[in-house]
Amino acid sequence: MKKFLKKIIDIFMNPAMMILPGQLAFFIVLALFPLLTLIGYIGSNISLFSNAFLSIMDNIIPTEILNVLLPFITESHITGNVAFFLIIGFYLISNGTNSLIVASNELFGIKHDPFLKRRIKAFFMIILLMGLFIFNVLVLAYGNVIVSGLIHLEVLKDVSDSLYSLFVLLKWPVAFICIFLAIKIFYAIAPDERIASKYMNKGALFTTIFWIIGTAVYSIYTSNFNNYKMFYGSISAIMAMMIWIYYLSYILVMGIAINSTDYNMAQKKLHKNEENSQDN
């Protein structure tokens, strides 16, 4: 326990922890707007955003956040100008995951891939990261409210109680497995050289546990929104979400640092054993 606590303290003091989480959180927030614009365009063409859907959205998302996001969803039109800025936007948001790739290479002590190859990988990593973020929002943060709204539909009326109980029962274990596997994949593809997946387990487990704890706290916090609205006004919901995103980013970066520390310690031990064998 003493060695583990010392390792955690060393990770906290790492200069990368002062820079990367904030940078990653910024690009995640930046990613929301081009992503919502794209979703809005697709949804408007398949009549996804009906009045009933928007009514459910209004019930699960704080009004202040919804007022900011809704124009990107309901008024999306892909013109040449918008398409150009979407491409630029997606390029810029990949800076966050590109920084994680560079940081992973430095922490694991491996060489960088060529710029273009790294950029392509960063783009796919931001898609995976946004998928994880959306999963956290829809299933963990607002899952109960969404399911509660859906089971009131006439089609599900007969099984509403059973369906809700089943969701509450399975939400956390299923979310734990899904988040753990997705984060482990994310950590495995971040370095530019292949690292054995066993060195990704500790960081992935750490990140999964603290993501779930942090999201549970955020979910409880937002459910009591009126209690803190009086202190900050209408911007409080946005501030709460920003703090939550920064927390998720910080934990994600810590997981990489934990994996690299575990890997480097194992490599040192391996080299030491090899030297001892040669001496004998």
C-alpha atoms as a PDB file:
ATOM      1  CA  MET A   1       0.000   0.000   0.000  1.00  0.00           C
ATOM      2  CA  LYS A   2       2.877   2.353   0.863  1.00  0.00           C
ATOM      3  CA  LYS A   3       4.542   1.748  -2.522  1.00  0.00           C
ATOM      4  CA  PHE A   4       1.209   2.213  -4.317  1.00  0.00           C
ATOM      5  CA  LEU A   5       0.509   5.522  -2.555  1.00  0.00           C
ATOM      6  CA  LYS A   6       4.030   6.740  -3.365  1.00  0.00           C
ATOM      7  CA  LYS A   7       3.441   5.828  -7.016  1.00  0.00           C
ATOM      8  CA  ILE A   8       0.154   7.774  -7.070  1.00  0.00           C
ATOM      9  CA  ILE A   9       1.815  10.829  -5.482  1.00  0.00           C
ATOM     10  CA  ASP A  10       4.636  10.695  -8.052  1.00  0.00           C
ATOM     11  CA  ILE A  11       2.038  10.580 -10.842  1.00  0.00           C
ATOM     12  CA  PHE A  12       0.215  13.594  -9.376  1.00  0.00           C
ATOM     13  CA  MET A  13       3.511  15.518  -9.396  1.00  0.00           C
ATOM     14  CA  ASN A  14       4.266  14.620 -13.024  1.00  0.00           C
ATOM     15  CA  PRO A  15       4.365  17.813 -15.172  1.00  0.00           C
ATOM     16  CA  ALA A  16       2.105  16.124 -17.746  1.00  0.00           C
ATOM     17  CA  MET A  17      -0.694  16.053 -15.164  1.00  0.00           C
ATOM     18  CA  MET A  18      -0.604  19.848 -15.013  1.00  0.00           C
ATOM     19  CA  ILE A  19      -1.193  20.234 -18.765  1.00  0.00           C
ATOM     20  CA  LEU A  20      -2.797  17.221 -20.466  1.00  0.00           C
ATOM     21  CA  PRO A  21      -6.119  16.907 -18.550  1.00  0.00           C
ATOM     22  CA  GLY A  22      -7.087  20.529 -19.172  1.00  0.00           C
ATOM     23  CA  GLN A  23      -6.064  20.315 -22.809  1.00  0.00           C
ATOM     24  CA  LEU A  24      -8.013  17.081 -23.320  1.00  0.00           C
ATOM     25  CA  ALA A  25     -11.112  18.475 -21.542  1.00  0.00           C
ATOM     26  CA  PHE A  26     -11.008  21.561 -23.794  1.00  0.00           C
ATOM     27  CA  PHE A  27     -10.914  19.471 -26.974  1.00  0.00           C
ATOM     28  CA  ILE A  28     -13.709  17.167 -25.729  1.00  0.00           C
ATOM     29  CA  VAL A  29     -15.940  20.206 -25.207  1.00  0.00           C
ATOM     30  CA  LEU A  30     -14.859  21.556 -28.597  1.00  0.00           C
ATOM     31  CA  ALA A  31     -15.699  18.185 -30.166  1.00  0.00           C
ATOM     32  CA  LEU A  32     -19.309  18.398 -28.982  1.00  0.00           C
ATOM     33  CA  PHE A  33     -20.299  21.143 -31.415  1.00  0.00           C
ATOM     34  CA  PRO A  34     -19.145  19.676 -34.766  1.00  0.00           C
ATOM     35  CA  LEU A  35     -20.371  16.273 -33.586  1.00  0.00           C
ATOM     36  CA  LEU A  36     -23.813  17.653 -32.711  1.00  0.00           C
ATOM     37  CA  THR A  37     -23.942  19.513 -36.027  1.00  0.00           C
ATOM     38  CA  LEU A  38     -23.286  16.248 -37.875  1.00  0.00           C
ATOM     39  CA  ILE A  39     -25.834  14.344 -35.756  1.00  0.00           C
ATOM     40  CA  GLY A  40     -28.351  17.146 -36.270  1.00  0.00           C
ATOM     41  CA  TYR A  41     -27.918  17.006 -40.038  1.00  0.00           C
ATOM     42  CA  ILE A  42     -28.372  13.211 -40.136  1.00  0.00           C
ATOM     43  CA  GLY A  43     -31.281  13.341 -37.676  1.00  0.00           C
ATOM     44  CA  SER A  44     -33.136  16.043 -39.606  1.00  0.00           C
ATOM     45  CA  ASN A  45     -32.986  13.932 -42.760  1.00  0.00           C
ATOM     46  CA  ILE A  46     -34.527  10.887 -41.060  1.00  0.00           C
ATOM     47  CA  SER A  47     -37.025  12.886 -38.937  1.00  0.00           C
ATOM     48  CA  LEU A  48     -35.313  11.805 -35.723  1.00  0.00           C
ATOM     49  CA  PHE A  49     -35.872  15.036 -33.815  1.00  0.00           C
ATOM     50  CA  SER A  50     -39.650  14.994 -33.377  1.00  0.00           C
ATOM     51  CA  ASN A  51     -41.463  16.999 -30.722  1.00  0.00           C
ATOM     52  CA  ALA A  52     -41.690  13.880 -28.539  1.00  0.00           C
ATOM     53  CA  PHE A  53     -37.922  13.381 -28.743  1.00  0.00           C
ATOM     54  CA  LEU A  54     -37.221  17.018 -27.906  1.00  0.00           C
ATOM     55  CA  SER A  55     -39.643  16.758 -24.978  1.00  0.00           C
ATOM     56  CA  ILE A  56     -37.642  13.826 -23.569  1.00  0.00           C
ATOM     57  CA  MET A  57     -34.416  15.795 -24.095  1.00  0.00           C
ATOM     58  CA  ASP A  58     -35.908  18.700 -22.177  1.00  0.00           C
ATOM     59  CA  ASN A  59     -36.660  16.394 -19.250  1.00  0.00           C
ATOM     60  CA  ILE A  60     -33.211  14.819 -18.992  1.00  0.00           C
ATOM     61  CA  ILE A  61     -30.846  17.698 -19.811  1.00  0.00           C
ATOM     62  CA  PRO A  62     -30.708  20.918 -17.759  1.00  0.00           C
ATOM     63  CA  THR A  63     -32.408  23.762 -19.632  1.00  0.00           C
ATOM     64  CA  GLU A  64     -29.272  25.949 -19.689  1.00  0.00           C
ATOM     65  CA  ILE A  65     -27.207  23.241 -21.410  1.00  0.00           C
ATOM     66  CA  LEU A  66     -30.044  22.316 -23.775  1.00  0.00           C
ATOM     67  CA  ASN A  67     -30.438  25.945 -24.888  1.00  0.00           C
ATOM     68  CA  VAL A  68     -26.753  25.972 -25.921  1.00  0.00           C
ATOM     69  CA  LEU A  69     -26.797  22.582 -27.680  1.00  0.00           C
ATOM     70  CA  LEU A  70     -30.242  22.574 -29.308  1.00  0.00           C
ATOM     71  CA  PRO A  71     -29.457  24.988 -32.202  1.00  0.00           C
ATOM     72  CA  PHE A  72     -26.620  22.692 -33.292  1.00  0.00           C
ATOM     73  CA  ILE A  73     -29.039  19.729 -33.344  1.00  0.00           C
ATOM     74  CA  THR A  74     -32.228  21.180 -34.829  1.00  0.00           C
ATOM     75  CA  GLU A  75     -30.837  23.819 -37.190  1.00  0.00           C
ATOM     76  CA  SER A  76     -27.997  21.893 -38.854  1.00  0.00           C
ATOM     77  CA  HIS A  77     -27.541  22.413 -42.585  1.00  0.00           C
ATOM     78  CA  ILE A  78     -24.381  21.092 -44.234  1.00  0.00           C
ATOM     79  CA  THR A  79     -23.317  23.718 -46.770  1.00  0.00           C
ATOM     80  CA  GLY A  80     -19.874  23.995 -48.327  1.00  0.00           C
ATOM     81  CA  ASN A  81     -18.871  26.542 -45.714  1.00  0.00           C
ATOM     82  CA  VAL A  82     -20.154  24.401 -42.819  1.00  0.00           C
ATOM     83  CA  ALA A  83     -18.483  21.279 -44.238  1.00  0.00           C
ATOM     84  CA  PHE A  84     -15.138  23.113 -44.420  1.00  0.00           C
ATOM     85  CA  PHE A  85     -15.380  24.202 -40.788  1.00  0.00           C
ATOM     86  CA  LEU A  86     -16.472  20.691 -39.739  1.00  0.00           C
ATOM     87  CA  ILE A  87     -13.295  19.268 -41.293  1.00  0.00           C
ATOM     88  CA  ILE A  88     -11.180  21.935 -39.580  1.00  0.00           C
ATOM     89  CA  GLY A  89     -13.065  21.312 -36.338  1.00  0.00           C
ATOM     90  CA  PHE A  90     -12.484  17.563 -36.387  1.00  0.00           C
ATOM     91  CA  TYR A  91      -8.809  18.162 -37.169  1.00  0.00           C
ATOM     92  CA  LEU A  92      -8.474  20.535 -34.211  1.00  0.00           C
ATOM     93  CA  ILE A  93     -10.254  18.247 -31.740  1.00  0.00           C
ATOM     94  CA  SER A  94      -7.895  15.423 -32.649  1.00  0.00           C
ATOM     95  CA  ASN A  95      -5.149  17.558 -31.044  1.00  0.00           C
ATOM     96  CA  GLY A  96      -6.328  16.271 -27.667  1.00  0.00           C
ATOM     97  CA  THR A  97      -5.835  12.594 -28.471  1.00  0.00           C
ATOM     98  CA  ASN A  98      -2.671  13.388 -30.438  1.00  0.00           C
ATOM     99  CA  SER A  99      -1.264  14.900 -27.230  1.00  0.00           C
ATOM    100  CA  LEU A 100      -2.166  11.668 -25.407  1.00  0.00           C
ATOM    101  CA  ILE A 101      -0.320   9.647 -28.056  1.00  0.00           C
ATOM    102  CA  VAL A 102       2.783  11.833 -27.702  1.00  0.00           C
ATOM    103  CA  ALA A 103       2.564  11.692 -23.891  1.00  0.00           C
ATOM    104  CA  SER A 104       2.149   7.886 -23.973  1.00  0.00           C
ATOM    105  CA  ASN A 105       5.238   7.551 -26.172  1.00  0.00           C
ATOM    106  CA  GLU A 106       7.244   9.719 -23.781  1.00  0.00           C
ATOM    107  CA  LEU A 107       6.004   7.887 -20.671  1.00  0.00           C
ATOM    108  CA  PHE A 108       6.601   4.428 -22.162  1.00  0.00           C
ATOM    109  CA  GLY A 109       9.942   5.534 -23.636  1.00  0.00           C
ATOM    110  CA  ILE A 110       9.202   4.653 -27.278  1.00  0.00           C
ATOM    111  CA  LYS A 111       9.715   6.448 -30.606  1.00  0.00           C
ATOM    112  CA  HIS A 112       7.024   8.501 -32.345  1.00  0.00           C
ATOM    113  CA  ASP A 113       5.363   7.358 -35.564  1.00  0.00           C
ATOM    114  CA  PRO A 114       5.303   9.715 -38.586  1.00  0.00           C
ATOM    115  CA  PHE A 115       3.007  12.732 -38.210  1.00  0.00           C
ATOM    116  CA  LEU A 116       0.303  11.601 -40.683  1.00  0.00           C
ATOM    117  CA  LYS A 117       0.012   8.089 -39.222  1.00  0.00           C
ATOM    118  CA  ARG A 118      -0.268   9.541 -35.719  1.00  0.00           C
ATOM    119  CA  ARG A 119      -2.925  12.045 -36.828  1.00  0.00           C
ATOM    120  CA  ILE A 120      -5.091   9.331 -38.400  1.00  0.00           C
ATOM    121  CA  LYS A 121      -4.874   7.311 -35.199  1.00  0.00           C
ATOM    122  CA  ALA A 122      -5.689  10.415 -33.132  1.00  0.00           C
ATOM    123  CA  PHE A 123      -8.845  10.948 -35.202  1.00  0.00           C
ATOM    124  CA  PHE A 124     -10.127   7.426 -34.519  1.00  0.00           C
ATOM    125  CA  MET A 125      -9.182   7.763 -30.842  1.00  0.00           C
ATOM    126  CA  ILE A 126     -11.305  10.915 -30.476  1.00  0.00           C
ATOM    127  CA  ILE A 127     -14.267   9.004 -31.957  1.00  0.00           C
ATOM    128  CA  LEU A 128     -13.749   6.238 -29.378  1.00  0.00           C
ATOM    129  CA  LEU A 129     -13.364   8.809 -26.596  1.00  0.00           C
ATOM    130  CA  MET A 130     -16.530  10.673 -27.650  1.00  0.00           C
ATOM    131  CA  GLY A 131     -18.372   7.352 -27.756  1.00  0.00           C
ATOM    132  CA  LEU A 132     -17.261   6.697 -24.177  1.00  0.00           C
ATOM    133  CA  PHE A 133     -18.329  10.182 -23.148  1.00  0.00           C
ATOM    134  CA  ILE A 134     -21.768   9.791 -24.763  1.00  0.00           C
ATOM    135  CA  PHE A 135     -22.143   6.373 -23.095  1.00  0.00           C
ATOM    136  CA  ASN A 136     -21.379   7.975 -19.727  1.00  0.00           C
ATOM    137  CA  VAL A 137     -23.956  10.689 -20.336  1.00  0.00           C
ATOM    138  CA  LEU A 138     -26.772   8.513 -21.703  1.00  0.00           C
ATOM    139  CA  VAL A 139     -26.355   5.430 -19.498  1.00  0.00           C
ATOM    140  CA  LEU A 140     -24.746   6.520 -16.232  1.00  0.00           C
ATOM    141  CA  ALA A 141     -25.455  10.226 -15.798  1.00  0.00           C
ATOM    142  CA  TYR A 142     -29.008  10.381 -17.196  1.00  0.00           C
ATOM    143  CA  GLY A 143     -29.833   6.697 -17.786  1.00  0.00           C
ATOM    144  CA  ASN A 144     -32.475   6.426 -15.065  1.00  0.00           C
ATOM    145  CA  VAL A 145     -34.288   9.525 -16.303  1.00  0.00           C
ATOM    146  CA  ILE A 146     -34.186   8.382 -19.951  1.00  0.00           C
ATOM    147  CA  VAL A 147     -35.520   4.897 -19.148  1.00  0.00           C
ATOM    148  CA  SER A 148     -38.133   6.405 -16.839  1.00  0.00           C
ATOM    149  CA  GLY A 149     -39.326   8.575 -19.731  1.00  0.00           C
ATOM    150  CA  LEU A 150     -39.331   5.692 -22.235  1.00  0.00           C
ATOM    151  CA  ILE A 151     -41.300   3.249 -20.067  1.00  0.00           C
ATOM    152  CA  HIS A 152     -44.217   5.665 -19.948  1.00  0.00           C
ATOM    153  CA  LEU A 153     -44.785   5.033 -23.650  1.00  0.00           C
ATOM    154  CA  GLU A 154     -48.002   3.133 -24.329  1.00  0.00           C
ATOM    155  CA  VAL A 155     -46.130   0.237 -25.971  1.00  0.00           C
ATOM    156  CA  LEU A 156     -44.072  -0.482 -22.817  1.00  0.00           C
ATOM    157  CA  LYS A 157     -46.799   0.204 -20.269  1.00  0.00           C
ATOM    158  CA  ASP A 158     -47.356  -3.459 -19.353  1.00  0.00           C
ATOM    159  CA  VAL A 159     -43.675  -4.161 -18.640  1.00  0.00           C
ATOM    160  CA  SER A 160     -42.620  -0.724 -17.410  1.00  0.00           C
ATOM    161  CA  ASP A 161     -41.875  -1.689 -13.786  1.00  0.00           C
ATOM    162  CA  SER A 162     -39.922  -4.814 -14.735  1.00  0.00           C
ATOM    163  CA  LEU A 163     -37.983  -2.971 -17.439  1.00  0.00           C
ATOM    164  CA  TYR A 164     -36.965  -0.161 -15.098  1.00  0.00           C
ATOM    165  CA  SER A 165     -35.907  -2.602 -12.344  1.00  0.00           C
ATOM    166  CA  LEU A 166     -33.873  -4.602 -14.859  1.00  0.00           C
ATOM    167  CA  PHE A 167     -32.113  -1.454 -16.081  1.00  0.00           C
ATOM    168  CA  VAL A 168     -31.262  -0.321 -12.535  1.00  0.00           C
ATOM    169  CA  LEU A 169     -29.972  -3.815 -11.711  1.00  0.00           C
ATOM    170  CA  LEU A 170     -27.782  -4.217 -14.798  1.00  0.00           C
ATOM    171  CA  LYS A 171     -26.686  -0.616 -15.412  1.00  0.00           C
ATOM    172  CA  TRP A 172     -23.585  -0.521 -13.229  1.00  0.00           C
ATOM    173  CA  PRO A 173     -22.116  -4.018 -13.881  1.00  0.00           C
ATOM    174  CA  VAL A 174     -22.710  -3.774 -17.645  1.00  0.00           C
ATOM    175  CA  ALA A 175     -21.344  -0.210 -17.700  1.00  0.00           C
ATOM    176  CA  PHE A 176     -18.277  -1.323 -15.727  1.00  0.00           C
ATOM    177  CA  ILE A 177     -17.445  -4.075 -18.241  1.00  0.00           C
ATOM    178  CA  CYS A 178     -18.090  -1.879 -21.305  1.00  0.00           C
ATOM    179  CA  ILE A 179     -16.084   1.081 -19.982  1.00  0.00           C
ATOM    180  CA  PHE A 180     -13.195  -1.131 -18.812  1.00  0.00           C
ATOM    181  CA  LEU A 181     -12.866  -2.860 -22.204  1.00  0.00           C
ATOM    182  CA  ALA A 182     -13.166   0.405 -24.171  1.00  0.00           C
ATOM    183  CA  ILE A 183     -10.595   2.193 -21.996  1.00  0.00           C
ATOM    184  CA  LYS A 184      -8.217  -0.761 -22.190  1.00  0.00           C
ATOM    185  CA  ILE A 185      -8.445  -0.640 -26.003  1.00  0.00           C
ATOM    186  CA  PHE A 186      -7.912   3.136 -25.889  1.00  0.00           C
ATOM    187  CA  TYR A 187      -4.787   2.725 -23.738  1.00  0.00           C
ATOM    188  CA  ALA A 188      -3.485  -0.137 -25.900  1.00  0.00           C
ATOM    189  CA  ILE A 189      -3.635   1.843 -29.162  1.00  0.00           C
ATOM    190  CA  ALA A 190      -2.300   5.117 -27.712  1.00  0.00           C
ATOM    191  CA  PRO A 191       1.449   4.256 -27.787  1.00  0.00           C
ATOM    192  CA  ASP A 192       3.071   4.063 -31.232  1.00  0.00           C
ATOM    193  CA  GLU A 193       4.562   0.665 -30.428  1.00  0.00           C
ATOM    194  CA  ARG A 194       2.701  -2.415 -29.289  1.00  0.00           C
ATOM    195  CA  ILE A 195       2.708  -2.845 -25.510  1.00  0.00           C
ATOM    196  CA  ALA A 196       1.464  -6.095 -23.954  1.00  0.00           C
ATOM    197  CA  SER A 197      -2.171  -5.653 -22.911  1.00  0.00           C
ATOM    198  CA  LYS A 198      -1.455  -6.940 -19.392  1.00  0.00           C
ATOM    199  CA  TYR A 199       0.279  -3.615 -18.669  1.00  0.00           C
ATOM    200  CA  MET A 200      -2.976  -1.775 -19.466  1.00  0.00           C
ATOM    201  CA  ASN A 201      -5.090  -3.520 -16.817  1.00  0.00           C
ATOM    202  CA  LYS A 202      -4.189  -1.440 -13.750  1.00  0.00           C
ATOM    203  CA  GLY A 203      -4.715   1.918 -15.444  1.00  0.00           C
ATOM    204  CA  ALA A 204      -7.928   0.752 -17.139  1.00  0.00           C
ATOM    205  CA  LEU A 205      -9.286  -0.593 -13.838  1.00  0.00           C
ATOM    206  CA  PHE A 206      -8.330   2.613 -12.003  1.00  0.00           C
ATOM    207  CA  THR A 207      -9.943   4.801 -14.691  1.00  0.00           C
ATOM    208  CA  THR A 208     -13.117   2.695 -14.878  1.00  0.00           C
ATOM    209  CA  ILE A 209     -13.685   2.747 -11.110  1.00  0.00           C
ATOM    210  CA  PHE A 210     -13.119   6.478 -10.738  1.00  0.00           C
ATOM    211  CA  TRP A 211     -15.072   7.340 -13.902  1.00  0.00           C
ATOM    212  CA  ILE A 212     -18.069   5.465 -12.516  1.00  0.00           C
ATOM    213  CA  ILE A 213     -17.711   7.065  -9.073  1.00  0.00           C
ATOM    214  CA  GLY A 214     -17.318  10.550 -10.553  1.00  0.00           C
ATOM    215  CA  THR A 215     -20.258  10.078 -12.917  1.00  0.00           C
ATOM    216  CA  ALA A 216     -22.455   8.793 -10.083  1.00  0.00           C
ATOM    217  CA  VAL A 217     -21.599  11.898  -8.053  1.00  0.00           C
ATOM    218  CA  TYR A 218     -22.304  14.137 -11.071  1.00  0.00           C
ATOM    219  CA  SER A 219     -25.638  12.375 -11.635  1.00  0.00           C
ATOM    220  CA  ILE A 220     -26.672  12.968  -8.012  1.00  0.00           C
ATOM    221  CA  TYR A 221     -25.444  16.569  -8.220  1.00  0.00           C
ATOM    222  CA  THR A 222     -27.448  17.376 -11.342  1.00  0.00           C
ATOM    223  CA  SER A 223     -30.578  15.730  -9.935  1.00  0.00           C
ATOM    224  CA  ASN A 224     -30.443  18.360  -7.149  1.00  0.00           C
ATOM    225  CA  PHE A 225     -29.797  21.178  -9.609  1.00  0.00           C
ATOM    226  CA  ASN A 226     -32.128  23.649  -7.929  1.00  0.00           C
ATOM    227  CA  ASN A 227     -30.120  23.455  -4.721  1.00  0.00           C
ATOM    228  CA  TYR A 228     -27.031  25.081  -6.228  1.00  0.00           C
ATOM    229  CA  LYS A 229     -28.634  27.193  -8.951  1.00  0.00           C
ATOM    230  CA  MET A 230     -29.147  30.051  -6.503  1.00  0.00           C
ATOM    231  CA  PHE A 231     -25.364  30.437  -6.048  1.00  0.00           C
ATOM    232  CA  TYR A 232     -24.231  30.576  -9.682  1.00  0.00           C
ATOM    233  CA  GLY A 233     -27.340  31.354 -11.718  1.00  0.00           C
ATOM    234  CA  SER A 234     -28.150  29.726 -15.044  1.00  0.00           C
ATOM    235  CA  ILE A 235     -24.499  29.056 -15.897  1.00  0.00           C
ATOM    236  CA  SER A 236     -24.183  26.551 -13.018  1.00  0.00           C
ATOM    237  CA  ALA A 237     -25.263  23.553 -15.137  1.00  0.00           C
ATOM    238  CA  ILE A 238     -22.572  24.306 -17.715  1.00  0.00           C
ATOM    239  CA  MET A 239     -19.970  24.782 -14.979  1.00  0.00           C
ATOM    240  CA  ALA A 240     -20.919  21.441 -13.400  1.00  0.00           C
ATOM    241  CA  MET A 241     -20.560  19.648 -16.746  1.00  0.00           C
ATOM    242  CA  MET A 242     -17.190  21.334 -17.421  1.00  0.00           C
ATOM    243  CA  ILE A 243     -15.874  20.228 -14.018  1.00  0.00           C
ATOM    244  CA  TRP A 244     -17.118  16.702 -14.662  1.00  0.00           C
ATOM    245  CA  ILE A 245     -15.436  16.565 -18.107  1.00  0.00           C
ATOM    246  CA  TYR A 246     -12.169  17.852 -16.604  1.00  0.00           C
ATOM    247  CA  TYR A 247     -12.395  15.190 -13.888  1.00  0.00           C
ATOM    248  CA  LEU A 248     -12.900  12.433 -16.498  1.00  0.00           C
ATOM    249  CA  SER A 249      -9.937  13.768 -18.497  1.00  0.00           C
ATOM    250  CA  TYR A 250      -7.721  13.920 -15.408  1.00  0.00           C
ATOM    251  CA  ILE A 251      -8.524  10.319 -14.452  1.00  0.00           C
ATOM    252  CA  LEU A 252      -7.945   9.169 -18.057  1.00  0.00           C
ATOM    253  CA  VAL A 253      -4.460  10.715 -18.101  1.00  0.00           C
ATOM    254  CA  MET A 254      -3.694   9.258 -14.661  1.00  0.00           C
ATOM    255  CA  GLY A 255      -4.536   5.807 -15.997  1.00  0.00           C
ATOM    256  CA  ILE A 256      -1.913   6.205 -18.749  1.00  0.00           C
ATOM    257  CA  ALA A 257       0.656   7.287 -16.156  1.00  0.00           C
ATOM    258  CA  ILE A 258      -0.170   4.277 -13.963  1.00  0.00           C
ATOM    259  CA  ASN A 259       0.217   1.893 -16.919  1.00  0.00           C
ATOM    260  CA  SER A 260       3.540   3.415 -17.967  1.00  0.00           C
ATOM    261  CA  THR A 261       4.879   3.284 -14.398  1.00  0.00           C
ATOM    262  CA  ASP A 262       3.909  -0.378 -14.101  1.00  0.00           C
ATOM    263  CA  TYR A 263       5.468  -1.127 -17.503  1.00  0.00           C
ATOM    264  CA  ASN A 264       8.727   0.720 -16.777  1.00  0.00           C
ATOM    265  CA  MET A 265       9.102  -0.997 -13.393  1.00  0.00           C
ATOM    266  CA  ALA A 266       8.557  -4.387 -15.052  1.00  0.00           C
ATOM    267  CA  GLN A 267      11.126  -3.579 -17.756  1.00  0.00           C
ATOM    268  CA  LYS A 268      13.702  -2.512 -15.158  1.00  0.00           C
ATOM    269  CA  LYS A 269      13.115  -5.722 -13.224  1.00  0.00           C
ATOM    270  CA  LEU A 270      13.454  -7.761 -16.432  1.00  0.00           C
ATOM    271  CA  HIS A 271      16.738  -6.047 -17.393  1.00  0.00           C
ATOM    272  CA  LYS A 272      18.059  -6.536 -13.875  1.00  0.00           C
ATOM    273  CA  ASN A 273      17.254 -10.271 -13.988  1.00  0.00           C
ATOM    274  CA  GLU A 274      18.935 -10.542 -17.401  1.00  0.00           C
ATOM    275  CA  GLU A 275      22.071  -8.833 -16.067  1.00  0.00           C
ATOM    276  CA  ASN A 276      22.124 -11.147 -13.050  1.00  0.00           C
ATOM    277  CA  SER A 277      21.772 -14.164 -15.340  1.00  0.00           C
ATOM    278  CA  GLN A 278      24.680 -12.979 -17.500  1.00  0.00           C
ATOM    279  CA  ASP A 279      26.835 -12.393 -14.416  1.00  0.00           C
ATOM    280  CA  ASN A 280      26.107 -15.927 -13.178  1.00  0.00           C
END
